[in-house]
Amino acid sequence: MEHLILFASVFLVMLMMLSLYRTIIGPSTLDRLMGMNAIGAKTTVLILLIGFIFGRIDMFVDIALSYAMLNFIAVLTASRYFQARGMRKRDSNLRVEE
């Protein structure tokens, strides 16, 4: 059973590398935010797998839930920031054209 969990953990880290590539190379800000959100979700699952390996799933569930909430708040805050910044750029472009 431990070998299966270890294999799943390694596979999850490889998937995180693909999301990291999307975050770094992403052509738009939305792609980068989605990549960061995917990395955060996979990290939450990885924390749970580590807890299962150590046999302390009860402790690691709390850590994973806290990390998931922080990830959600960070992505939400970043998306609102970039949305507001985009609206300011559009407003300044409209003023210049007038």
Protein backbone atom coordinates (compact mmCIF):
# COMPACT_ATOMS: atom_id res chain seq x y z
CA MET A 1 0.00 0.00 0.00
CA GLU A 2 2.84 2.39 0.79
CA HIS A 3 4.34 1.82 -2.65
CA LEU A 4 1.06 2.83 -4.27
CA ILE A 5 0.89 6.02 -2.21
CA LEU A 6 4.51 6.79 -2.99
CA PHE A 7 3.87 6.25 -6.71
CA ALA A 8 0.80 8.52 -6.53
CA SER A 9 2.87 11.19 -4.78
CA VAL A 10 5.60 11.09 -7.42
CA PHE A 11 2.99 11.20 -10.20
CA LEU A 12 1.33 14.17 -8.51
CA VAL A 13 4.64 16.03 -8.33
CA MET A 14 5.15 15.40 -12.06
CA LEU A 15 1.71 16.83 -12.75
CA MET A 16 2.64 19.83 -10.62
CA MET A 17 5.64 20.39 -12.89
CA LEU A 18 3.28 20.63 -15.88
CA SER A 19 1.20 23.20 -14.00
CA LEU A 20 4.37 25.08 -13.10
CA TYR A 21 5.30 25.20 -16.78
CA ARG A 22 1.86 26.65 -17.54
CA THR A 23 2.29 29.19 -14.75
CA ILE A 24 5.67 30.39 -15.98
CA ILE A 25 5.06 30.27 -19.75
CA GLY A 26 1.32 31.03 -19.74
CA PRO A 27 0.45 33.57 -22.42
CA SER A 28 -2.09 35.41 -20.29
CA THR A 29 -2.58 36.34 -16.68
CA LEU A 30 -5.61 34.06 -16.46
CA ASP A 31 -3.48 31.08 -17.54
CA ARG A 32 -0.97 31.89 -14.84
CA LEU A 33 -3.65 32.19 -12.17
CA MET A 34 -5.21 28.89 -13.22
CA GLY A 35 -1.78 27.25 -13.12
CA MET A 36 -1.19 28.53 -9.60
CA ASN A 37 -4.63 27.34 -8.53
CA ALA A 38 -3.92 23.88 -9.96
CA ILE A 39 -0.59 23.73 -8.14
CA GLY A 40 -2.32 24.65 -4.89
CA ALA A 41 -4.99 21.97 -5.32
CA LYS A 42 -2.39 19.31 -6.09
CA THR A 43 -0.31 20.42 -3.12
CA THR A 44 -3.34 19.94 -0.88
CA VAL A 45 -3.71 16.35 -2.10
CA LEU A 46 0.03 15.81 -1.70
CA ILE A 47 -0.17 16.97 1.94
CA LEU A 48 -2.93 14.42 2.54
CA LEU A 49 -0.84 11.66 0.93
CA ILE A 50 2.11 12.56 3.14
CA GLY A 51 -0.18 12.37 6.16
CA PHE A 52 -1.30 8.92 5.08
CA ILE A 53 2.33 7.80 4.70
CA PHE A 54 3.19 9.01 8.21
CA GLY A 55 0.01 7.52 9.67
CA ARG A 56 -1.14 10.88 11.04
CA ILE A 57 -3.93 11.69 8.61
CA ASP A 58 -5.89 13.50 11.36
CA MET A 59 -3.17 16.11 11.78
CA PHE A 60 -2.49 16.52 8.07
CA VAL A 61 -6.17 17.02 7.21
CA ASP A 62 -6.14 20.22 9.26
CA ILE A 63 -2.98 21.39 7.52
CA ALA A 64 -4.41 20.55 4.09
CA LEU A 65 -7.67 22.38 4.79
CA SER A 66 -5.79 25.46 5.98
CA TYR A 67 -3.59 25.38 2.89
CA ALA A 68 -6.61 24.98 0.60
CA MET A 69 -8.32 27.99 2.16
CA LEU A 70 -5.17 30.10 1.86
CA ASN A 71 -4.78 29.03 -1.77
CA PHE A 72 -8.39 29.99 -2.54
CA ILE A 73 -8.05 33.38 -0.87
CA ALA A 74 -4.74 34.08 -2.64
CA VAL A 75 -6.12 33.24 -6.09
CA LEU A 76 -9.28 35.24 -5.45
CA THR A 77 -7.27 38.25 -4.27
CA ALA A 78 -4.89 38.05 -7.22
CA SER A 79 -7.74 37.77 -9.72
CA ARG A 80 -9.50 40.80 -8.25
CA TYR A 81 -6.24 42.75 -8.32
CA PHE A 82 -5.57 41.92 -11.96
CA GLN A 83 -9.18 42.64 -12.87
CA ALA A 84 -8.99 46.08 -11.25
CA ARG A 85 -5.65 46.76 -12.90
CA GLY A 86 -7.10 45.79 -16.28
CA MET A 87 -10.06 48.11 -15.76
CA ARG A 88 -7.73 50.98 -14.89
CA LYS A 89 -5.73 50.36 -18.07
CA ARG A 90 -8.91 50.36 -20.16
CA ASP A 91 -10.06 53.62 -18.53
CA SER A 92 -6.71 55.28 -19.18
CA ASN A 93 -6.75 54.09 -22.81
CA LEU A 94 -10.23 55.54 -23.30
CA ARG A 95 -9.13 58.90 -21.91
CA VAL A 96 -6.13 59.02 -24.22
CA GLU A 97 -8.24 58.23 -27.29
CA GLU A 98 -10.81 60.93 -26.48
